[in-house]
PDB file of N, CA and C in Angstrom:
ATOM      1  N   MET A   1     -76.948 -66.403 -21.096  1.00  0.00           N
ATOM      2  CA  MET A   1     -76.930 -67.813 -21.411  1.00  0.00           C
ATOM      3  C   MET A   1     -78.035 -68.168 -22.388  1.00  0.00           C
ATOM      4  N   ALA A   2     -79.157 -67.506 -22.271  1.00  0.00           N
ATOM      5  CA  ALA A   2     -80.286 -67.831 -23.147  1.00  0.00           C
ATOM      6  C   ALA A   2     -79.996 -67.448 -24.595  1.00  0.00           C
ATOM      7  N   GLY A   3     -79.094 -66.518 -24.820  1.00  0.00           N
ATOM      8  CA  GLY A   3     -78.785 -66.087 -26.175  1.00  0.00           C
ATOM      9  C   GLY A   3     -77.783 -66.987 -26.895  1.00  0.00           C
ATOM     10  N   VAL A   4     -77.129 -67.882 -26.162  1.00  0.00           N
ATOM     11  CA  VAL A   4     -76.117 -68.730 -26.769  1.00  0.00           C
ATOM     12  C   VAL A   4     -76.749 -69.747 -27.711  1.00  0.00           C
ATOM     13  N   GLY A   5     -77.882 -70.319 -27.340  1.00  0.00           N
ATOM     14  CA  GLY A   5     -78.548 -71.315 -28.185  1.00  0.00           C
ATOM     15  C   GLY A   5     -78.929 -70.762 -29.551  1.00  0.00           C
ATOM     16  N   PRO A   6     -79.649 -69.644 -29.608  1.00  0.00           N
ATOM     17  CA  PRO A   6     -79.981 -69.080 -30.921  1.00  0.00           C
ATOM     18  C   PRO A   6     -78.752 -68.652 -31.718  1.00  0.00           C
ATOM     19  N   LEU A   7     -77.728 -68.147 -31.036  1.00  0.00           N
ATOM     20  CA  LEU A   7     -76.500 -67.767 -31.732  1.00  0.00           C
ATOM     21  C   LEU A   7     -75.829 -68.997 -32.332  1.00  0.00           C
ATOM     22  N   PHE A   8     -75.796 -70.088 -31.578  1.00  0.00           N
ATOM     23  CA  PHE A   8     -75.241 -71.337 -32.086  1.00  0.00           C
ATOM     24  C   PHE A   8     -75.999 -71.796 -33.325  1.00  0.00           C
ATOM     25  N   LEU A   9     -77.309 -71.772 -33.272  1.00  0.00           N
ATOM     26  CA  LEU A   9     -78.125 -72.185 -34.416  1.00  0.00           C
ATOM     27  C   LEU A   9     -77.938 -71.252 -35.608  1.00  0.00           C
ATOM     28  N   ALA A  10     -77.742 -69.978 -35.341  1.00  0.00           N
ATOM     29  CA  ALA A  10     -77.556 -69.025 -36.434  1.00  0.00           C
ATOM     30  C   ALA A  10     -76.224 -69.225 -37.146  1.00  0.00           C
ATOM     31  N   LEU A  11     -75.229 -69.760 -36.448  1.00  0.00           N
ATOM     32  CA  LEU A  11     -73.907 -69.942 -37.035  1.00  0.00           C
ATOM     33  C   LEU A  11     -73.721 -71.296 -37.720  1.00  0.00           C
ATOM     34  N   ILE A  12     -74.736 -72.148 -37.701  1.00  0.00           N
ATOM     35  CA  ILE A  12     -74.631 -73.449 -38.371  1.00  0.00           C
ATOM     36  C   ILE A  12     -74.342 -73.298 -39.864  1.00  0.00           C
ATOM     37  N   PRO A  13     -75.001 -72.418 -40.611  1.00  0.00           N
ATOM     38  CA  PRO A  13     -74.653 -72.277 -42.032  1.00  0.00           C
ATOM     39  C   PRO A  13     -73.208 -71.819 -42.251  1.00  0.00           C
ATOM     40  N   VAL A  14     -72.677 -71.021 -41.343  1.00  0.00           N
ATOM     41  CA  VAL A  14     -71.295 -70.556 -41.475  1.00  0.00           C
ATOM     42  C   VAL A  14     -70.330 -71.728 -41.309  1.00  0.00           C
ATOM     43  N   THR A  15     -70.543 -72.540 -40.278  1.00  0.00           N
ATOM     44  CA  THR A  15     -69.663 -73.690 -40.078  1.00  0.00           C
ATOM     45  C   THR A  15     -69.844 -74.718 -41.189  1.00  0.00           C
ATOM     46  N   ASN A  16     -71.042 -74.840 -41.712  1.00  0.00           N
ATOM     47  CA  ASN A  16     -71.278 -75.752 -42.833  1.00  0.00           C
ATOM     48  C   ASN A  16     -70.499 -75.288 -44.063  1.00  0.00           C
ATOM     49  N   TYR A  17     -70.484 -74.003 -44.321  1.00  0.00           N
ATOM     50  CA  TYR A  17     -69.738 -73.454 -45.457  1.00  0.00           C
ATOM     51  C   TYR A  17     -68.232 -73.659 -45.289  1.00  0.00           C
ATOM     52  N   ILE A  18     -67.739 -73.416 -44.087  1.00  0.00           N
ATOM     53  CA  ILE A  18     -66.305 -73.519 -43.831  1.00  0.00           C
ATOM     54  C   ILE A  18     -65.823 -74.954 -43.981  1.00  0.00           C
ATOM     55  N   THR A  19     -66.607 -75.921 -43.495  1.00  0.00           N
ATOM     56  CA  THR A  19     -66.162 -77.310 -43.483  1.00  0.00           C
ATOM     57  C   THR A  19     -66.679 -78.124 -44.658  1.00  0.00           C
ATOM     58  N   ALA A  20     -67.314 -77.500 -45.630  1.00  0.00           N
ATOM     59  CA  ALA A  20     -67.847 -78.234 -46.776  1.00  0.00           C
ATOM     60  C   ALA A  20     -66.709 -78.820 -47.611  1.00  0.00           C
ATOM     61  N   GLU A  21     -67.065 -79.849 -48.403  1.00  0.00           N
ATOM     62  CA  GLU A  21     -66.077 -80.434 -49.296  1.00  0.00           C
ATOM     63  C   GLU A  21     -65.603 -79.369 -50.271  1.00  0.00           C
ATOM     64  N   ASN A  22     -64.304 -79.265 -50.454  1.00  0.00           N
ATOM     65  CA  ASN A  22     -63.663 -78.203 -51.231  1.00  0.00           C
ATOM     66  C   ASN A  22     -63.943 -76.829 -50.630  1.00  0.00           C
ATOM     67  N   GLY A  23     -64.146 -76.800 -49.328  1.00  0.00           N
ATOM     68  CA  GLY A  23     -64.409 -75.548 -48.628  1.00  0.00           C
ATOM     69  C   GLY A  23     -63.123 -74.891 -48.162  1.00  0.00           C
ATOM     70  N   VAL A  24     -63.273 -73.920 -47.313  1.00  0.00           N
ATOM     71  CA  VAL A  24     -62.160 -73.105 -46.848  1.00  0.00           C
ATOM     72  C   VAL A  24     -61.144 -73.946 -46.076  1.00  0.00           C
ATOM     73  N   VAL A  25     -61.611 -74.792 -45.176  1.00  0.00           N
ATOM     74  CA  VAL A  25     -60.703 -75.575 -44.345  1.00  0.00           C
ATOM     75  C   VAL A  25     -59.936 -76.590 -45.186  1.00  0.00           C
ATOM     76  N   GLN A  26     -60.620 -77.252 -46.098  1.00  0.00           N
ATOM     77  CA  GLN A  26     -59.936 -78.236 -46.923  1.00  0.00           C
ATOM     78  C   GLN A  26     -58.904 -77.569 -47.832  1.00  0.00           C
ATOM     79  N   LYS A  27     -59.234 -76.416 -48.381  1.00  0.00           N
ATOM     80  CA  LYS A  27     -58.274 -75.705 -49.232  1.00  0.00           C
ATOM     81  C   LYS A  27     -57.077 -75.226 -48.415  1.00  0.00           C
ATOM     82  N   ALA A  28     -57.327 -74.802 -47.178  1.00  0.00           N
ATOM     83  CA  ALA A  28     -56.228 -74.392 -46.310  1.00  0.00           C
ATOM     84  C   ALA A  28     -55.326 -75.580 -45.991  1.00  0.00           C
ATOM     85  N   MET A  29     -55.921 -76.741 -45.736  1.00  0.00           N
ATOM     86  CA  MET A  29     -55.128 -77.940 -45.470  1.00  0.00           C
ATOM     87  C   MET A  29     -54.327 -78.346 -46.692  1.00  0.00           C
ATOM     88  N   GLU A  30     -54.922 -78.252 -47.870  1.00  0.00           N
ATOM     89  CA  GLU A  30     -54.196 -78.582 -49.096  1.00  0.00           C
ATOM     90  C   GLU A  30     -53.013 -77.640 -49.297  1.00  0.00           C
ATOM     91  N   THR A  31     -53.208 -76.375 -48.964  1.00  0.00           N
ATOM     92  CA  THR A  31     -52.119 -75.405 -49.073  1.00  0.00           C
ATOM     93  C   THR A  31     -51.002 -75.729 -48.086  1.00  0.00           C
ATOM     94  N   LEU A  32     -51.362 -76.076 -46.844  1.00  0.00           N
ATOM     95  CA  LEU A  32     -50.351 -76.437 -45.861  1.00  0.00           C
ATOM     96  C   LEU A  32     -49.606 -77.701 -46.269  1.00  0.00           C
ATOM     97  N   LEU A  33     -50.344 -78.700 -46.762  1.00  0.00           N
ATOM     98  CA  LEU A  33     -49.709 -79.956 -47.146  1.00  0.00           C
ATOM     99  C   LEU A  33     -48.889 -79.814 -48.418  1.00  0.00           C
ATOM    100  N   ALA A  34     -49.214 -78.847 -49.266  1.00  0.00           N
ATOM    101  CA  ALA A  34     -48.434 -78.630 -50.483  1.00  0.00           C
ATOM    102  C   ALA A  34     -47.042 -78.097 -50.150  1.00  0.00           C
ATOM    103  N   ALA A  35     -46.889 -77.518 -48.971  1.00  0.00           N
ATOM    104  CA  ALA A  35     -45.578 -77.017 -48.560  1.00  0.00           C
ATOM    105  C   ALA A  35     -44.617 -78.146 -48.217  1.00  0.00           C
ATOM    106  N   ILE A  36     -45.169 -79.350 -47.963  1.00  0.00           N
ATOM    107  CA  ILE A  36     -44.333 -80.510 -47.659  1.00  0.00           C
ATOM    108  C   ILE A  36     -43.834 -81.092 -48.976  1.00  0.00           C
ATOM    109  N   PRO A  37     -42.534 -81.248 -49.131  1.00  0.00           N
ATOM    110  CA  PRO A  37     -42.002 -81.791 -50.388  1.00  0.00           C
ATOM    111  C   PRO A  37     -42.535 -83.205 -50.661  1.00  0.00           C
ATOM    112  N   GLY A  38     -42.922 -83.445 -51.914  1.00  0.00           N
ATOM    113  CA  GLY A  38     -43.385 -84.758 -52.323  1.00  0.00           C
ATOM    114  C   GLY A  38     -44.847 -85.023 -52.047  1.00  0.00           C
ATOM    115  N   ASN A  39     -45.582 -84.041 -51.568  1.00  0.00           N
ATOM    116  CA  ASN A  39     -46.992 -84.224 -51.254  1.00  0.00           C
ATOM    117  C   ASN A  39     -47.788 -83.167 -52.008  1.00  0.00           C
ATOM    118  N   ALA A  40     -48.286 -83.502 -53.201  1.00  0.00           N
ATOM    119  CA  ALA A  40     -48.926 -82.519 -54.065  1.00  0.00           C
ATOM    120  C   ALA A  40     -50.332 -82.151 -53.599  1.00  0.00           C
ATOM    121  N   SER A  41     -51.128 -83.124 -53.198  1.00  0.00           N
ATOM    122  CA  SER A  41     -52.491 -82.812 -52.769  1.00  0.00           C
ATOM    123  C   SER A  41     -52.937 -83.836 -51.732  1.00  0.00           C
ATOM    124  N   ILE A  42     -54.064 -83.582 -51.153  1.00  0.00           N
ATOM    125  CA  ILE A  42     -54.613 -84.455 -50.119  1.00  0.00           C
ATOM    126  C   ILE A  42     -55.765 -85.264 -50.705  1.00  0.00           C
ATOM    127  N   SER A  43     -55.744 -86.567 -50.494  1.00  0.00           N
ATOM    128  CA  SER A  43     -56.830 -87.397 -50.995  1.00  0.00           C
ATOM    129  C   SER A  43     -58.003 -87.345 -50.028  1.00  0.00           C
ATOM    130  N   LYS A  44     -59.170 -87.721 -50.505  1.00  0.00           N
ATOM    131  CA  LYS A  44     -60.387 -87.601 -49.698  1.00  0.00           C
ATOM    132  C   LYS A  44     -60.333 -88.446 -48.434  1.00  0.00           C
ATOM    133  N   ASP A  45     -59.645 -89.587 -48.475  1.00  0.00           N
ATOM    134  CA  ASP A  45     -59.596 -90.434 -47.289  1.00  0.00           C
ATOM    135  C   ASP A  45     -58.555 -89.965 -46.268  1.00  0.00           C
ATOM    136  N   ARG A  46     -57.801 -88.921 -46.577  1.00  0.00           N
ATOM    137  CA  ARG A  46     -56.795 -88.395 -45.659  1.00  0.00           C
ATOM    138  C   ARG A  46     -57.159 -87.028 -45.084  1.00  0.00           C
ATOM    139  N   VAL A  47     -58.335 -86.515 -45.400  1.00  0.00           N
ATOM    140  CA  VAL A  47     -58.723 -85.180 -44.928  1.00  0.00           C
ATOM    141  C   VAL A  47     -58.879 -85.161 -43.414  1.00  0.00           C
ATOM    142  N   ILE A  48     -59.637 -86.098 -42.864  1.00  0.00           N
ATOM    143  CA  ILE A  48     -59.890 -86.107 -41.419  1.00  0.00           C
ATOM    144  C   ILE A  48     -58.600 -86.335 -40.631  1.00  0.00           C
ATOM    145  N   PRO A  49     -57.749 -87.313 -40.989  1.00  0.00           N
ATOM    146  CA  PRO A  49     -56.492 -87.441 -40.245  1.00  0.00           C
ATOM    147  C   PRO A  49     -55.603 -86.194 -40.343  1.00  0.00           C
ATOM    148  N   ALA A  50     -55.577 -85.558 -41.500  1.00  0.00           N
ATOM    149  CA  ALA A  50     -54.760 -84.354 -41.650  1.00  0.00           C
ATOM    150  C   ALA A  50     -55.304 -83.218 -40.789  1.00  0.00           C
ATOM    151  N   LEU A  51     -56.605 -83.048 -40.789  1.00  0.00           N
ATOM    152  CA  LEU A  51     -57.206 -82.001 -39.951  1.00  0.00           C
ATOM    153  C   LEU A  51     -56.988 -82.297 -38.471  1.00  0.00           C
ATOM    154  N   SER A  52     -57.085 -83.571 -38.094  1.00  0.00           N
ATOM    155  CA  SER A  52     -56.866 -83.949 -36.696  1.00  0.00           C
ATOM    156  C   SER A  52     -55.426 -83.668 -36.279  1.00  0.00           C
ATOM    157  N   ALA A  53     -54.477 -84.019 -37.134  1.00  0.00           N
ATOM    158  CA  ALA A  53     -53.070 -83.765 -36.813  1.00  0.00           C
ATOM    159  C   ALA A  53     -52.803 -82.269 -36.689  1.00  0.00           C
ATOM    160  N   PHE A  54     -53.375 -81.486 -37.599  1.00  0.00           N
ATOM    161  CA  PHE A  54     -53.202 -80.037 -37.532  1.00  0.00           C
ATOM    162  C   PHE A  54     -53.825 -79.471 -36.265  1.00  0.00           C
ATOM    163  N   TYR A  55     -55.011 -79.948 -35.899  1.00  0.00           N
ATOM    164  CA  TYR A  55     -55.687 -79.472 -34.697  1.00  0.00           C
ATOM    165  C   TYR A  55     -54.885 -79.822 -33.446  1.00  0.00           C
ATOM    166  N   ILE A  56     -54.394 -81.053 -33.375  1.00  0.00           N
ATOM    167  CA  ILE A  56     -53.617 -81.471 -32.210  1.00  0.00           C
ATOM    168  C   ILE A  56     -52.340 -80.648 -32.101  1.00  0.00           C
ATOM    169  N   PHE A  57     -51.656 -80.453 -33.227  1.00  0.00           N
ATOM    170  CA  PHE A  57     -50.447 -79.628 -33.215  1.00  0.00           C
ATOM    171  C   PHE A  57     -50.763 -78.220 -32.739  1.00  0.00           C
ATOM    172  N   TRP A  58     -51.788 -77.612 -33.328  1.00  0.00           N
ATOM    173  CA  TRP A  58     -52.103 -76.225 -32.991  1.00  0.00           C
ATOM    174  C   TRP A  58     -52.534 -76.096 -31.540  1.00  0.00           C
ATOM    175  N   THR A  59     -53.366 -77.033 -31.068  1.00  0.00           N
ATOM    176  CA  THR A  59     -53.901 -76.940 -29.715  1.00  0.00           C
ATOM    177  C   THR A  59     -52.820 -77.110 -28.659  1.00  0.00           C
ATOM    178  N   PHE A  60     -51.926 -78.057 -28.861  1.00  0.00           N
ATOM    179  CA  PHE A  60     -50.960 -78.354 -27.809  1.00  0.00           C
ATOM    180  C   PHE A  60     -49.586 -77.760 -28.068  1.00  0.00           C
ATOM    181  N   ALA A  61     -49.004 -77.985 -29.204  1.00  0.00           N
ATOM    182  CA  ALA A  61     -47.625 -77.561 -29.445  1.00  0.00           C
ATOM    183  C   ALA A  61     -47.519 -76.066 -29.708  1.00  0.00           C
ATOM    184  N   ALA A  62     -48.273 -75.556 -30.644  1.00  0.00           N
ATOM    185  CA  ALA A  62     -48.133 -74.149 -31.029  1.00  0.00           C
ATOM    186  C   ALA A  62     -48.584 -73.207 -29.919  1.00  0.00           C
ATOM    187  N   THR A  63     -49.713 -73.488 -29.301  1.00  0.00           N
ATOM    188  CA  THR A  63     -50.178 -72.587 -28.246  1.00  0.00           C
ATOM    189  C   THR A  63     -49.313 -72.703 -26.995  1.00  0.00           C
ATOM    190  N   GLY A  64     -48.782 -73.901 -26.726  1.00  0.00           N
ATOM    191  CA  GLY A  64     -47.872 -74.057 -25.588  1.00  0.00           C
ATOM    192  C   GLY A  64     -46.584 -73.295 -25.802  1.00  0.00           C
ATOM    193  N   ALA A  65     -46.047 -73.378 -27.011  1.00  0.00           N
ATOM    194  CA  ALA A  65     -44.821 -72.633 -27.319  1.00  0.00           C
ATOM    195  C   ALA A  65     -45.065 -71.130 -27.261  1.00  0.00           C
ATOM    196  N   ALA A  66     -46.201 -70.686 -27.772  1.00  0.00           N
ATOM    197  CA  ALA A  66     -46.525 -69.259 -27.723  1.00  0.00           C
ATOM    198  C   ALA A  66     -46.713 -68.793 -26.280  1.00  0.00           C
ATOM    199  N   SER A  67     -47.304 -69.631 -25.455  1.00  0.00           N
ATOM    200  CA  SER A  67     -47.491 -69.279 -24.053  1.00  0.00           C
ATOM    201  C   SER A  67     -46.159 -69.168 -23.333  1.00  0.00           C
ATOM    202  N   ALA A  68     -45.271 -70.124 -23.556  1.00  0.00           N
ATOM    203  CA  ALA A  68     -43.944 -70.066 -22.924  1.00  0.00           C
ATOM    204  C   ALA A  68     -43.157 -68.859 -23.418  1.00  0.00           C
ATOM    205  N   ALA A  69     -43.260 -68.561 -24.707  1.00  0.00           N
ATOM    206  CA  ALA A  69     -42.570 -67.384 -25.245  1.00  0.00           C
ATOM    207  C   ALA A  69     -43.131 -66.107 -24.634  1.00  0.00           C
ATOM    208  N   GLY A  70     -44.432 -66.051 -24.459  1.00  0.00           N
ATOM    209  CA  GLY A  70     -45.047 -64.880 -23.840  1.00  0.00           C
ATOM    210  C   GLY A  70     -44.631 -64.713 -22.391  1.00  0.00           C
ATOM    211  N   LEU A  71     -44.579 -65.830 -21.656  1.00  0.00           N
ATOM    212  CA  LEU A  71     -44.130 -65.756 -20.266  1.00  0.00           C
ATOM    213  C   LEU A  71     -42.676 -65.305 -20.189  1.00  0.00           C
ATOM    214  N   GLY A  72     -41.853 -65.840 -21.068  1.00  0.00           N
ATOM    215  CA  GLY A  72     -40.432 -65.474 -21.051  1.00  0.00           C
ATOM    216  C   GLY A  72     -40.187 -64.035 -21.437  1.00  0.00           C
ATOM    217  N   SER A  73     -40.948 -63.552 -22.408  1.00  0.00           N
ATOM    218  CA  SER A  73     -40.728 -62.179 -22.852  1.00  0.00           C
ATOM    219  C   SER A  73     -41.364 -61.154 -21.914  1.00  0.00           C
ATOM    220  N   SER A  74     -42.257 -61.592 -21.058  1.00  0.00           N
ATOM    221  CA  SER A  74     -42.899 -60.638 -20.156  1.00  0.00           C
ATOM    222  C   SER A  74     -42.060 -60.363 -18.913  1.00  0.00           C
ATOM    223  N   ARG A  75     -41.020 -61.132 -18.718  1.00  0.00           N
ATOM    224  CA  ARG A  75     -40.161 -60.956 -17.543  1.00  0.00           C
ATOM    225  C   ARG A  75     -38.781 -60.466 -17.967  1.00  0.00           C
ATOM    226  N   LYS A  76     -38.304 -59.493 -17.267  1.00  0.00           N
ATOM    227  CA  LYS A  76     -37.001 -58.927 -17.587  1.00  0.00           C
ATOM    228  C   LYS A  76     -35.893 -59.968 -17.469  1.00  0.00           C
ATOM    229  N   GLU A  77     -35.995 -60.825 -16.433  1.00  0.00           N
ATOM    230  CA  GLU A  77     -34.969 -61.842 -16.210  1.00  0.00           C
ATOM    231  C   GLU A  77     -35.226 -63.137 -16.984  1.00  0.00           C
ATOM    232  N   GLY A  78     -36.343 -63.239 -17.673  1.00  0.00           N
ATOM    233  CA  GLY A  78     -36.682 -64.441 -18.433  1.00  0.00           C
ATOM    234  C   GLY A  78     -37.206 -65.547 -17.534  1.00  0.00           C
ATOM    235  N   LEU A  79     -37.343 -66.728 -18.079  1.00  0.00           N
ATOM    236  CA  LEU A  79     -37.812 -67.864 -17.296  1.00  0.00           C
ATOM    237  C   LEU A  79     -36.632 -68.653 -16.758  1.00  0.00           C
ATOM    238  N   ASP A  80     -36.755 -69.110 -15.535  1.00  0.00           N
ATOM    239  CA  ASP A  80     -35.736 -69.947 -14.926  1.00  0.00           C
ATOM    240  C   ASP A  80     -36.288 -71.366 -14.889  1.00  0.00           C
ATOM    241  N   ASN A  81     -35.770 -72.225 -15.757  1.00  0.00           N
ATOM    242  CA  ASN A  81     -36.281 -73.574 -15.833  1.00  0.00           C
ATOM    243  C   ASN A  81     -35.800 -74.453 -14.692  1.00  0.00           C
ATOM    244  N   ASN A  82     -34.789 -74.035 -13.971  1.00  0.00           N
ATOM    245  CA  ASN A  82     -34.316 -74.814 -12.815  1.00  0.00           C
ATOM    246  C   ASN A  82     -35.189 -74.598 -11.599  1.00  0.00           C
ATOM    247  N   ARG A  83     -35.660 -73.404 -11.418  1.00  0.00           N
ATOM    248  CA  ARG A  83     -36.606 -73.087 -10.342  1.00  0.00           C
ATOM    249  C   ARG A  83     -37.846 -72.523 -10.990  1.00  0.00           C
ATOM    250  N   MET A  84     -38.964 -73.124 -10.716  1.00  0.00           N
ATOM    251  CA  MET A  84     -40.213 -72.656 -11.341  1.00  0.00           C
ATOM    252  C   MET A  84     -40.824 -71.561 -10.474  1.00  0.00           C
ATOM    253  N   SER A  85     -40.170 -70.418 -10.446  1.00  0.00           N
ATOM    254  CA  SER A  85     -40.647 -69.319  -9.621  1.00  0.00           C
ATOM    255  C   SER A  85     -41.821 -68.587 -10.262  1.00  0.00           C
ATOM    256  N   TRP A  86     -42.106 -68.904 -11.511  1.00  0.00           N
ATOM    257  CA  TRP A  86     -43.202 -68.231 -12.206  1.00  0.00           C
ATOM    258  C   TRP A  86     -44.533 -68.890 -11.930  1.00  0.00           C
ATOM    259  N   ILE A  87     -44.548 -70.032 -11.249  1.00  0.00           N
ATOM    260  CA  ILE A  87     -45.830 -70.699 -10.943  1.00  0.00           C
ATOM    261  C   ILE A  87     -46.443 -70.060  -9.730  1.00  0.00           C
TER     262      ILE A  87
END
């Protein structure tokens, strides 16, 4: 536990680089948003809402779907949604 504090402090420059303006995260968001038809780039006032929407999607929808797919594929008979015998 005592090593977590110094490790956290040591990684501050890394997170600063990743989240900087025109940094890795913003460029990744611009690339994702460019895939949507009619949306060429992201304006500065839309960065935080776009990142929030992506985070919410990834945290709840994508990981939930991956978890359900993993549970279903790990069982020979699959998941039975009528009886929750997997709980």
